[in-house]
Amino acid sequence: MANLDPETVADVIDWNTFGQILEMDDDEDDREFSRSIVWNFFEQAENTFTQMDTALTNGDLDQLSSLGHFLKGSSAALGLTKVKNSCEKIQHLGAKKDETGTTELNDPEFCLKEIQTILESVRQEYAESESFLRKYYDSEESGSN
């Protein structure tokens, strides 16, 4: 983790989870396997955000719940805890439940407004995570030369 502040790391990523992905790399010098997983996640996340925007415009809570669930799983697999937690809230609100998933909500407009707010936050959390991961791989490359 060359030149990356440990406190920043802990705030952005669960290193134990991400470390399991790194352990699958055949060659620590190029990190080809884990890099492909991370770059694939970036592409999936961007596509999912686009689909979420469409579903939000269309007021499609079921689709928002499904997309939140999908992105929650992908981000959890990489250890992106903040993104995972926000996506879980979107999943619950899309299912017309409160953010914790424990209380039924009967106001679809309220759910859509809450999702819109959370979606803005999750985009920022994702951008922070993406920036961290890109810096991580850049530092790994420059550290191996």
N, C-alpha and C. Protein backbone atom coordinates (compact mmCIF):
# COMPACT_ATOMS: atom_id res chain seq x y z
N MET A 1 0.83 -1.19 0.00
CA MET A 1 0.00 0.00 0.00
C MET A 1 0.86 1.24 0.00
N ALA A 2 1.70 1.33 -0.94
CA ALA A 2 2.68 2.41 -1.01
C ALA A 2 2.01 3.78 -0.98
N ASN A 3 2.44 4.63 -0.03
CA ASN A 3 2.05 6.03 0.06
C ASN A 3 0.55 6.27 0.25
N LEU A 4 -0.18 5.33 0.81
CA LEU A 4 -1.59 5.54 1.07
C LEU A 4 -1.82 5.62 2.57
N ASP A 5 -2.45 6.68 3.03
CA ASP A 5 -2.71 6.92 4.44
C ASP A 5 -3.60 5.81 5.01
N PRO A 6 -3.15 5.11 6.05
CA PRO A 6 -3.93 4.00 6.62
C PRO A 6 -5.32 4.41 7.10
N GLU A 7 -5.46 5.63 7.64
CA GLU A 7 -6.78 6.07 8.09
C GLU A 7 -7.72 6.26 6.91
N THR A 8 -7.20 6.80 5.81
CA THR A 8 -8.01 6.96 4.61
C THR A 8 -8.42 5.60 4.08
N VAL A 9 -7.50 4.66 4.11
CA VAL A 9 -7.79 3.30 3.65
C VAL A 9 -8.95 2.72 4.44
N ALA A 10 -8.87 2.80 5.77
CA ALA A 10 -9.90 2.22 6.62
C ALA A 10 -11.26 2.89 6.40
N ASP A 11 -11.26 4.17 6.05
CA ASP A 11 -12.50 4.89 5.84
C ASP A 11 -13.16 4.52 4.51
N VAL A 12 -12.36 4.11 3.54
CA VAL A 12 -12.88 3.86 2.19
C VAL A 12 -13.13 2.38 1.94
N ILE A 13 -12.26 1.54 2.48
CA ILE A 13 -12.30 0.13 2.09
C ILE A 13 -12.04 -0.78 3.28
N ASP A 14 -12.73 -1.89 3.30
CA ASP A 14 -12.46 -2.93 4.30
C ASP A 14 -11.30 -3.74 3.74
N TRP A 15 -10.12 -3.51 4.32
CA TRP A 15 -8.91 -4.10 3.77
C TRP A 15 -8.92 -5.62 3.86
N ASN A 16 -9.58 -6.18 4.88
CA ASN A 16 -9.65 -7.64 4.99
C ASN A 16 -10.37 -8.24 3.79
N THR A 17 -11.47 -7.62 3.40
CA THR A 17 -12.23 -8.11 2.24
C THR A 17 -11.45 -7.90 0.96
N PHE A 18 -10.93 -6.70 0.76
CA PHE A 18 -10.18 -6.40 -0.46
C PHE A 18 -8.92 -7.26 -0.52
N GLY A 19 -8.31 -7.49 0.62
CA GLY A 19 -7.11 -8.33 0.67
C GLY A 19 -7.35 -9.74 0.15
N GLN A 20 -8.56 -10.25 0.35
CA GLN A 20 -8.89 -11.58 -0.17
C GLN A 20 -8.87 -11.59 -1.69
N ILE A 21 -9.29 -10.49 -2.31
CA ILE A 21 -9.22 -10.38 -3.77
C ILE A 21 -7.76 -10.34 -4.20
N LEU A 22 -6.96 -9.56 -3.48
CA LEU A 22 -5.54 -9.43 -3.84
C LEU A 22 -4.81 -10.77 -3.72
N GLU A 23 -5.23 -11.59 -2.77
CA GLU A 23 -4.60 -12.90 -2.59
C GLU A 23 -4.77 -13.81 -3.80
N MET A 24 -5.75 -13.51 -4.63
CA MET A 24 -6.00 -14.34 -5.82
C MET A 24 -5.07 -13.99 -6.98
N ASP A 25 -4.33 -12.88 -6.85
CA ASP A 25 -3.39 -12.51 -7.91
C ASP A 25 -2.27 -13.53 -7.99
N ASP A 26 -1.96 -13.97 -9.22
CA ASP A 26 -0.83 -14.87 -9.42
C ASP A 26 0.49 -14.15 -9.22
N ASP A 27 0.52 -12.91 -9.65
CA ASP A 27 1.75 -12.14 -9.62
C ASP A 27 1.48 -10.81 -8.93
N GLU A 28 2.06 -10.62 -7.74
CA GLU A 28 1.82 -9.39 -7.00
C GLU A 28 2.38 -8.17 -7.72
N ASP A 29 3.31 -8.38 -8.64
CA ASP A 29 3.90 -7.24 -9.34
C ASP A 29 2.94 -6.59 -10.32
N ASP A 30 2.09 -7.38 -10.97
CA ASP A 30 1.18 -6.74 -11.94
C ASP A 30 -0.28 -6.72 -11.48
N ARG A 31 -0.63 -7.55 -10.51
CA ARG A 31 -1.98 -7.57 -9.96
C ARG A 31 -3.06 -7.63 -11.06
N GLU A 32 -2.77 -8.39 -12.11
CA GLU A 32 -3.66 -8.44 -13.27
C GLU A 32 -5.06 -8.95 -12.91
N PHE A 33 -5.15 -10.00 -12.11
CA PHE A 33 -6.45 -10.58 -11.79
C PHE A 33 -7.31 -9.60 -10.99
N SER A 34 -6.76 -9.09 -9.88
CA SER A 34 -7.56 -8.19 -9.04
C SER A 34 -7.88 -6.89 -9.79
N ARG A 35 -6.93 -6.41 -10.58
CA ARG A 35 -7.18 -5.21 -11.37
C ARG A 35 -8.37 -5.43 -12.32
N SER A 36 -8.44 -6.58 -12.95
CA SER A 36 -9.55 -6.84 -13.89
C SER A 36 -10.89 -6.86 -13.14
N ILE A 37 -10.89 -7.39 -11.92
CA ILE A 37 -12.12 -7.40 -11.12
C ILE A 37 -12.53 -5.97 -10.78
N VAL A 38 -11.58 -5.18 -10.35
CA VAL A 38 -11.86 -3.80 -9.94
C VAL A 38 -12.32 -2.97 -11.13
N TRP A 39 -11.63 -3.09 -12.26
CA TRP A 39 -12.02 -2.30 -13.45
C TRP A 39 -13.39 -2.75 -13.96
N ASN A 40 -13.69 -4.02 -13.85
CA ASN A 40 -15.02 -4.52 -14.23
C ASN A 40 -16.07 -3.92 -13.30
N PHE A 41 -15.75 -3.82 -12.03
CA PHE A 41 -16.67 -3.19 -11.08
C PHE A 41 -16.94 -1.74 -11.46
N PHE A 42 -15.89 -0.99 -11.84
CA PHE A 42 -16.08 0.40 -12.25
C PHE A 42 -17.10 0.48 -13.39
N GLU A 43 -16.93 -0.39 -14.37
CA GLU A 43 -17.83 -0.38 -15.53
C GLU A 43 -19.25 -0.75 -15.10
N GLN A 44 -19.39 -1.78 -14.28
CA GLN A 44 -20.72 -2.20 -13.80
C GLN A 44 -21.38 -1.08 -12.99
N ALA A 45 -20.60 -0.44 -12.13
CA ALA A 45 -21.16 0.62 -11.29
C ALA A 45 -21.67 1.78 -12.14
N GLU A 46 -20.87 2.20 -13.11
CA GLU A 46 -21.30 3.30 -13.98
C GLU A 46 -22.59 2.94 -14.72
N ASN A 47 -22.65 1.73 -15.25
CA ASN A 47 -23.88 1.27 -15.93
C ASN A 47 -25.06 1.22 -14.98
N THR A 48 -24.81 0.77 -13.76
CA THR A 48 -25.89 0.68 -12.77
C THR A 48 -26.38 2.06 -12.39
N PHE A 49 -25.47 3.02 -12.23
CA PHE A 49 -25.90 4.39 -11.91
C PHE A 49 -26.78 4.96 -13.04
N THR A 50 -26.41 4.68 -14.27
CA THR A 50 -27.23 5.14 -15.41
C THR A 50 -28.62 4.51 -15.35
N GLN A 51 -28.67 3.22 -15.07
CA GLN A 51 -29.96 2.52 -14.95
C GLN A 51 -30.76 3.07 -13.77
N MET A 52 -30.08 3.39 -12.68
CA MET A 52 -30.77 3.96 -11.51
C MET A 52 -31.38 5.32 -11.85
N ASP A 53 -30.64 6.12 -12.60
CA ASP A 53 -31.17 7.43 -13.01
C ASP A 53 -32.46 7.25 -13.81
N THR A 54 -32.45 6.31 -14.73
CA THR A 54 -33.64 6.04 -15.56
C THR A 54 -34.79 5.55 -14.69
N ALA A 55 -34.50 4.61 -13.80
CA ALA A 55 -35.54 4.07 -12.92
C ALA A 55 -36.09 5.17 -12.00
N LEU A 56 -35.23 6.07 -11.55
CA LEU A 56 -35.68 7.16 -10.69
C LEU A 56 -36.59 8.10 -11.48
N THR A 57 -36.20 8.43 -12.70
CA THR A 57 -37.02 9.27 -13.56
C THR A 57 -38.39 8.64 -13.82
N ASN A 58 -38.38 7.31 -13.99
CA ASN A 58 -39.62 6.59 -14.28
C ASN A 58 -40.41 6.24 -13.01
N GLY A 59 -39.84 6.53 -11.84
CA GLY A 59 -40.52 6.20 -10.58
C GLY A 59 -40.62 4.70 -10.35
N ASP A 60 -39.68 3.94 -10.87
CA ASP A 60 -39.72 2.47 -10.80
C ASP A 60 -38.99 1.98 -9.55
N LEU A 61 -39.73 1.91 -8.46
CA LEU A 61 -39.14 1.50 -7.19
C LEU A 61 -38.63 0.06 -7.22
N ASP A 62 -39.34 -0.84 -7.89
CA ASP A 62 -38.89 -2.23 -7.97
C ASP A 62 -37.52 -2.32 -8.64
N GLN A 63 -37.35 -1.58 -9.73
CA GLN A 63 -36.08 -1.58 -10.44
C GLN A 63 -34.98 -0.96 -9.57
N LEU A 64 -35.30 0.10 -8.86
CA LEU A 64 -34.33 0.73 -7.97
C LEU A 64 -33.90 -0.23 -6.87
N SER A 65 -34.84 -0.97 -6.34
CA SER A 65 -34.52 -1.96 -5.31
C SER A 65 -33.58 -3.03 -5.86
N SER A 66 -33.90 -3.51 -7.05
CA SER A 66 -33.08 -4.53 -7.70
C SER A 66 -31.67 -4.02 -8.00
N LEU A 67 -31.58 -2.82 -8.52
CA LEU A 67 -30.27 -2.24 -8.84
C LEU A 67 -29.47 -1.95 -7.58
N GLY A 68 -30.15 -1.49 -6.54
CA GLY A 68 -29.49 -1.28 -5.26
C GLY A 68 -28.92 -2.58 -4.72
N HIS A 69 -29.71 -3.63 -4.83
CA HIS A 69 -29.27 -4.96 -4.38
C HIS A 69 -28.04 -5.41 -5.17
N PHE A 70 -28.08 -5.24 -6.48
CA PHE A 70 -26.97 -5.65 -7.33
C PHE A 70 -25.68 -4.91 -6.97
N LEU A 71 -25.76 -3.59 -6.88
CA LEU A 71 -24.57 -2.80 -6.59
C LEU A 71 -24.09 -3.02 -5.16
N LYS A 72 -25.02 -3.31 -4.26
CA LYS A 72 -24.63 -3.63 -2.88
C LYS A 72 -23.73 -4.87 -2.87
N GLY A 73 -24.12 -5.89 -3.61
CA GLY A 73 -23.34 -7.12 -3.65
C GLY A 73 -21.97 -6.93 -4.27
N SER A 74 -21.93 -6.20 -5.37
CA SER A 74 -20.65 -5.95 -6.05
C SER A 74 -19.70 -5.15 -5.18
N SER A 75 -20.22 -4.12 -4.53
CA SER A 75 -19.36 -3.29 -3.70
C SER A 75 -18.94 -4.02 -2.42
N ALA A 76 -19.81 -4.85 -1.89
CA ALA A 76 -19.46 -5.65 -0.70
C ALA A 76 -18.33 -6.61 -1.01
N ALA A 77 -18.35 -7.19 -2.21
CA ALA A 77 -17.31 -8.15 -2.59
C ALA A 77 -15.93 -7.52 -2.63
N LEU A 78 -15.87 -6.21 -2.89
CA LEU A 78 -14.59 -5.49 -2.93
C LEU A 78 -14.25 -4.84 -1.60
N GLY A 79 -15.19 -4.85 -0.67
CA GLY A 79 -14.95 -4.22 0.62
C GLY A 79 -15.26 -2.74 0.66
N LEU A 80 -16.06 -2.27 -0.28
CA LEU A 80 -16.42 -0.85 -0.34
C LEU A 80 -17.64 -0.61 0.57
N THR A 81 -17.37 -0.52 1.85
CA THR A 81 -18.40 -0.54 2.87
C THR A 81 -19.41 0.60 2.75
N LYS A 82 -18.94 1.82 2.53
CA LYS A 82 -19.87 2.96 2.42
C LYS A 82 -20.81 2.78 1.24
N VAL A 83 -20.26 2.39 0.10
CA VAL A 83 -21.09 2.18 -1.10
C VAL A 83 -22.10 1.08 -0.83
N LYS A 84 -21.63 0.00 -0.24
CA LYS A 84 -22.51 -1.13 0.08
C LYS A 84 -23.66 -0.68 0.98
N ASN A 85 -23.35 0.06 2.04
CA ASN A 85 -24.38 0.49 2.99
C ASN A 85 -25.42 1.40 2.33
N SER A 86 -24.96 2.32 1.48
CA SER A 86 -25.90 3.22 0.80
C SER A 86 -26.77 2.46 -0.19
N CYS A 87 -26.18 1.51 -0.88
CA CYS A 87 -26.95 0.72 -1.84
C CYS A 87 -27.99 -0.15 -1.13
N GLU A 88 -27.66 -0.60 0.07
CA GLU A 88 -28.63 -1.36 0.84
C GLU A 88 -29.83 -0.49 1.21
N LYS A 89 -29.59 0.77 1.53
CA LYS A 89 -30.67 1.70 1.82
C LYS A 89 -31.56 1.89 0.59
N ILE A 90 -30.94 2.02 -0.58
CA ILE A 90 -31.70 2.15 -1.83
C ILE A 90 -32.54 0.90 -2.07
N GLN A 91 -31.94 -0.25 -1.82
CA GLN A 91 -32.66 -1.52 -1.98
C GLN A 91 -33.91 -1.54 -1.10
N HIS A 92 -33.76 -1.16 0.17
CA HIS A 92 -34.90 -1.17 1.09
C HIS A 92 -35.96 -0.15 0.70
N LEU A 93 -35.52 1.07 0.40
CA LEU A 93 -36.49 2.10 0.02
C LEU A 93 -37.23 1.73 -1.27
N GLY A 94 -36.53 1.10 -2.20
CA GLY A 94 -37.18 0.64 -3.43
C GLY A 94 -38.24 -0.42 -3.15
N ALA A 95 -38.05 -1.16 -2.06
CA ALA A 95 -39.03 -2.17 -1.64
C ALA A 95 -40.10 -1.56 -0.72
N LYS A 96 -40.12 -0.22 -0.65
CA LYS A 96 -41.06 0.54 0.17
C LYS A 96 -40.94 0.20 1.65
N LYS A 97 -39.67 0.15 2.08
CA LYS A 97 -39.37 -0.03 3.50
C LYS A 97 -38.44 1.09 3.91
N ASP A 98 -38.31 1.29 5.22
CA ASP A 98 -37.37 2.32 5.68
C ASP A 98 -35.95 1.87 5.36
N GLU A 99 -34.98 2.75 5.62
CA GLU A 99 -33.59 2.48 5.25
C GLU A 99 -33.04 1.20 5.87
N THR A 100 -33.59 0.81 7.00
CA THR A 100 -33.10 -0.40 7.66
C THR A 100 -33.81 -1.66 7.17
N GLY A 101 -34.89 -1.47 6.44
CA GLY A 101 -35.64 -2.60 5.92
C GLY A 101 -36.61 -3.20 6.92
N THR A 102 -36.88 -2.51 8.01
CA THR A 102 -37.72 -3.08 9.06
C THR A 102 -39.15 -2.57 9.08
N THR A 103 -39.39 -1.39 8.51
CA THR A 103 -40.72 -0.79 8.58
C THR A 103 -41.25 -0.53 7.18
N GLU A 104 -42.48 -0.98 6.94
CA GLU A 104 -43.14 -0.74 5.65
C GLU A 104 -43.45 0.75 5.50
N LEU A 105 -43.26 1.26 4.30
CA LEU A 105 -43.61 2.65 3.98
C LEU A 105 -44.66 2.63 2.88
N ASN A 106 -45.68 3.45 3.04
CA ASN A 106 -46.77 3.47 2.06
C ASN A 106 -46.78 4.75 1.23
N ASP A 107 -45.63 5.40 1.13
CA ASP A 107 -45.54 6.66 0.40
C ASP A 107 -44.45 6.55 -0.67
N PRO A 108 -44.82 6.10 -1.88
CA PRO A 108 -43.83 5.92 -2.94
C PRO A 108 -43.05 7.21 -3.25
N GLU A 109 -43.70 8.36 -3.19
CA GLU A 109 -43.02 9.63 -3.47
C GLU A 109 -41.93 9.90 -2.44
N PHE A 110 -42.21 9.60 -1.19
CA PHE A 110 -41.21 9.76 -0.14
C PHE A 110 -40.02 8.85 -0.43
N CYS A 111 -40.29 7.60 -0.79
CA CYS A 111 -39.23 6.65 -1.09
C CYS A 111 -38.36 7.15 -2.25
N LEU A 112 -38.99 7.66 -3.28
CA LEU A 112 -38.25 8.17 -4.44
C LEU A 112 -37.37 9.36 -4.06
N LYS A 113 -37.90 10.27 -3.23
CA LYS A 113 -37.11 11.42 -2.81
C LYS A 113 -35.92 10.98 -1.96
N GLU A 114 -36.14 10.03 -1.07
CA GLU A 114 -35.05 9.52 -0.24
C GLU A 114 -33.99 8.84 -1.10
N ILE A 115 -34.43 8.06 -2.07
CA ILE A 115 -33.49 7.38 -2.96
C ILE A 115 -32.67 8.40 -3.74
N GLN A 116 -33.32 9.46 -4.20
CA GLN A 116 -32.60 10.49 -4.95
C GLN A 116 -31.49 11.09 -4.09
N THR A 117 -31.78 11.37 -2.84
CA THR A 117 -30.77 11.92 -1.93
C THR A 117 -29.64 10.92 -1.69
N ILE A 118 -30.00 9.69 -1.44
CA ILE A 118 -28.98 8.65 -1.18
C ILE A 118 -28.16 8.40 -2.44
N LEU A 119 -28.79 8.45 -3.59
CA LEU A 119 -28.07 8.22 -4.84
C LEU A 119 -26.99 9.29 -5.05
N GLU A 120 -27.28 10.51 -4.67
CA GLU A 120 -26.25 11.56 -4.75
C GLU A 120 -25.08 11.22 -3.83
N SER A 121 -25.37 10.76 -2.63
CA SER A 121 -24.32 10.39 -1.68
C SER A 121 -23.52 9.20 -2.17
N VAL A 122 -24.20 8.19 -2.68
CA VAL A 122 -23.50 6.98 -3.10
C VAL A 122 -22.59 7.26 -4.29
N ARG A 123 -22.98 8.19 -5.12
CA ARG A 123 -22.10 8.58 -6.24
C ARG A 123 -20.80 9.19 -5.69
N GLN A 124 -20.90 10.00 -4.66
CA GLN A 124 -19.71 10.59 -4.04
C GLN A 124 -18.87 9.50 -3.38
N GLU A 125 -19.51 8.60 -2.69
CA GLU A 125 -18.80 7.49 -2.04
C GLU A 125 -18.11 6.61 -3.08
N TYR A 126 -18.80 6.37 -4.17
CA TYR A 126 -18.22 5.58 -5.26
C TYR A 126 -17.01 6.31 -5.84
N ALA A 127 -17.14 7.61 -6.08
CA ALA A 127 -16.03 8.38 -6.66
C ALA A 127 -14.81 8.33 -5.73
N GLU A 128 -15.05 8.42 -4.44
CA GLU A 128 -13.96 8.33 -3.46
C GLU A 128 -13.31 6.94 -3.53
N SER A 129 -14.12 5.91 -3.61
CA SER A 129 -13.61 4.54 -3.70
C SER A 129 -12.85 4.31 -4.99
N GLU A 130 -13.40 4.80 -6.09
CA GLU A 130 -12.74 4.66 -7.39
C GLU A 130 -11.38 5.35 -7.37
N SER A 131 -11.36 6.55 -6.84
CA SER A 131 -10.11 7.31 -6.76
C SER A 131 -9.08 6.55 -5.92
N PHE A 132 -9.51 6.04 -4.79
CA PHE A 132 -8.61 5.27 -3.93
C PHE A 132 -8.05 4.05 -4.66
N LEU A 133 -8.93 3.30 -5.31
CA LEU A 133 -8.48 2.07 -5.98
C LEU A 133 -7.55 2.37 -7.15
N ARG A 134 -7.85 3.42 -7.90
CA ARG A 134 -6.96 3.78 -9.00
C ARG A 134 -5.59 4.19 -8.46
N LYS A 135 -5.56 4.95 -7.37
CA LYS A 135 -4.29 5.34 -6.76
C LYS A 135 -3.55 4.10 -6.24
N TYR A 136 -4.30 3.18 -5.66
CA TYR A 136 -3.69 1.96 -5.15
C TYR A 136 -2.96 1.22 -6.28
N TYR A 137 -3.65 1.01 -7.39
CA TYR A 137 -3.03 0.28 -8.50
C TYR A 137 -1.91 1.07 -9.15
N ASP A 138 -2.06 2.39 -9.21
CA ASP A 138 -0.96 3.22 -9.73
C ASP A 138 0.26 3.11 -8.82
N SER A 139 0.07 3.12 -7.52
CA SER A 139 1.19 3.04 -6.59
C SER A 139 1.82 1.65 -6.65
N GLU A 140 1.02 0.63 -6.87
CA GLU A 140 1.54 -0.73 -7.00
C GLU A 140 2.43 -0.82 -8.25
N GLU A 141 1.96 -0.20 -9.34
CA GLU A 141 2.75 -0.23 -10.58
C GLU A 141 4.07 0.52 -10.42
N SER A 142 4.00 1.72 -9.85
CA SER A 142 5.23 2.50 -9.71
C SER A 142 6.15 1.90 -8.66
N GLY A 143 5.58 1.21 -7.69
CA GLY A 143 6.39 0.57 -6.67
C GLY A 143 7.08 -0.68 -7.16
N SER A 144 6.59 -1.26 -8.24
CA SER A 144 7.19 -2.50 -8.76
C SER A 144 8.23 -2.23 -9.83
N ASN A 145 8.43 -0.98 -10.23
CA ASN A 145 9.42 -0.66 -11.26
C ASN A 145 10.78 -0.48 -10.66
